[in-house]
């Protein structure tokens, strides 16, 4: 989930890169708790 719609005039490139890196880290951390429920689980 990159910040593709972010107006780069408001943030320096380093901040955009840092935000994208943090979003990637968050997605990776949440992937371990992402589960698919079976019909029995529902």
N, C-alpha and C. Protein backbone atom coordinates (compact mmCIF):
# COMPACT_ATOMS: atom_id res chain seq x y z
N UNK A 1 0.85 -1.17 0.00
CA UNK A 1 0.00 0.00 0.00
C UNK A 1 0.90 1.24 0.00
N UNK A 2 1.34 1.60 -1.13
CA UNK A 2 2.22 2.76 -1.23
C UNK A 2 1.40 4.05 -1.21
N UNK A 3 2.07 5.10 -0.89
CA UNK A 3 1.42 6.41 -0.87
C UNK A 3 1.48 7.03 -2.26
N UNK A 4 0.76 6.44 -3.21
CA UNK A 4 0.85 6.89 -4.60
C UNK A 4 0.12 8.20 -4.83
N UNK A 5 -0.89 8.52 -4.04
CA UNK A 5 -1.66 9.74 -4.26
C UNK A 5 -1.16 10.92 -3.43
N UNK A 6 -0.05 10.72 -2.76
CA UNK A 6 0.49 11.77 -1.91
C UNK A 6 1.12 12.86 -2.77
N UNK A 7 0.79 14.09 -2.49
CA UNK A 7 1.36 15.21 -3.21
C UNK A 7 2.79 15.43 -2.69
N UNK A 8 3.75 15.19 -3.53
CA UNK A 8 5.15 15.27 -3.11
C UNK A 8 5.60 16.68 -2.77
N UNK A 9 4.78 17.68 -3.07
CA UNK A 9 5.15 19.05 -2.71
C UNK A 9 5.02 19.29 -1.21
N UNK A 10 4.30 18.42 -0.53
CA UNK A 10 4.06 18.63 0.89
C UNK A 10 5.05 17.89 1.78
N UNK A 11 5.64 16.83 1.27
CA UNK A 11 6.61 16.07 2.06
C UNK A 11 7.90 15.88 1.26
N UNK A 12 9.03 15.95 1.95
CA UNK A 12 10.30 15.64 1.27
C UNK A 12 10.33 14.17 0.85
N UNK A 13 11.11 13.88 -0.16
CA UNK A 13 11.21 12.51 -0.68
C UNK A 13 11.60 11.53 0.42
N UNK A 14 12.46 11.94 1.33
CA UNK A 14 12.89 11.05 2.41
C UNK A 14 11.71 10.68 3.30
N UNK A 15 10.80 11.62 3.54
CA UNK A 15 9.63 11.34 4.38
C UNK A 15 8.66 10.39 3.67
N UNK A 16 8.50 10.57 2.37
CA UNK A 16 7.63 9.68 1.59
C UNK A 16 8.20 8.27 1.62
N UNK A 17 9.51 8.16 1.42
CA UNK A 17 10.16 6.84 1.45
C UNK A 17 10.02 6.20 2.82
N UNK A 18 10.22 6.96 3.88
CA UNK A 18 10.09 6.44 5.24
C UNK A 18 8.66 5.98 5.51
N UNK A 19 7.68 6.74 5.06
CA UNK A 19 6.28 6.36 5.27
C UNK A 19 5.96 5.08 4.51
N UNK A 20 6.44 4.96 3.29
CA UNK A 20 6.21 3.74 2.51
C UNK A 20 6.88 2.54 3.16
N UNK A 21 8.08 2.73 3.68
CA UNK A 21 8.78 1.63 4.37
C UNK A 21 8.01 1.19 5.61
N UNK A 22 7.48 2.15 6.35
CA UNK A 22 6.71 1.82 7.55
C UNK A 22 5.41 1.10 7.20
N UNK A 23 4.77 1.52 6.11
CA UNK A 23 3.55 0.83 5.68
C UNK A 23 3.84 -0.61 5.28
N UNK A 24 4.96 -0.82 4.61
CA UNK A 24 5.35 -2.18 4.24
C UNK A 24 5.60 -3.02 5.47
N UNK A 25 6.29 -2.45 6.45
CA UNK A 25 6.56 -3.18 7.70
C UNK A 25 5.26 -3.51 8.42
N UNK A 26 4.31 -2.58 8.42
CA UNK A 26 3.02 -2.82 9.07
C UNK A 26 2.25 -3.93 8.36
N UNK A 27 2.24 -3.88 7.03
CA UNK A 27 1.56 -4.94 6.27
C UNK A 27 2.18 -6.30 6.56
N UNK A 28 3.50 -6.36 6.64
CA UNK A 28 4.18 -7.62 6.93
C UNK A 28 3.84 -8.12 8.34
N UNK A 29 3.77 -7.20 9.28
CA UNK A 29 3.45 -7.60 10.66
C UNK A 29 2.01 -8.10 10.75
N UNK A 30 1.10 -7.46 10.03
CA UNK A 30 -0.30 -7.86 10.08
C UNK A 30 -0.56 -9.14 9.30
N UNK A 31 0.32 -9.49 8.38
CA UNK A 31 0.13 -10.70 7.58
C UNK A 31 0.10 -11.95 8.46
N UNK A 32 0.80 -11.90 9.58
CA UNK A 32 0.84 -13.07 10.46
C UNK A 32 -0.49 -13.29 11.18
N UNK A 33 -1.31 -12.26 11.31
CA UNK A 33 -2.60 -12.41 11.97
C UNK A 33 -3.76 -12.48 10.98
N UNK A 34 -3.46 -12.38 9.71
CA UNK A 34 -4.48 -12.45 8.68
C UNK A 34 -4.87 -13.91 8.46
N UNK A 35 -6.12 -14.22 8.72
CA UNK A 35 -6.57 -15.59 8.56
C UNK A 35 -7.80 -15.62 7.66
N UNK A 36 -7.98 -16.73 7.01
CA UNK A 36 -9.16 -16.93 6.19
C UNK A 36 -10.08 -17.89 6.92
N UNK A 37 -11.28 -17.45 7.17
CA UNK A 37 -12.22 -18.28 7.90
C UNK A 37 -12.86 -19.29 6.96
N UNK A 38 -12.93 -20.51 7.42
CA UNK A 38 -13.65 -21.53 6.66
C UNK A 38 -15.12 -21.41 6.99
N UNK A 39 -15.96 -22.13 6.25
CA UNK A 39 -17.39 -22.10 6.50
C UNK A 39 -17.69 -22.57 7.93
N UNK A 40 -16.93 -23.53 8.42
CA UNK A 40 -17.13 -24.02 9.78
C UNK A 40 -16.76 -22.97 10.82
N UNK A 41 -15.74 -22.18 10.55
CA UNK A 41 -15.32 -21.16 11.48
C UNK A 41 -16.35 -20.02 11.58
N UNK A 42 -17.04 -19.75 10.47
CA UNK A 42 -18.01 -18.68 10.48
C UNK A 42 -19.20 -19.05 11.29
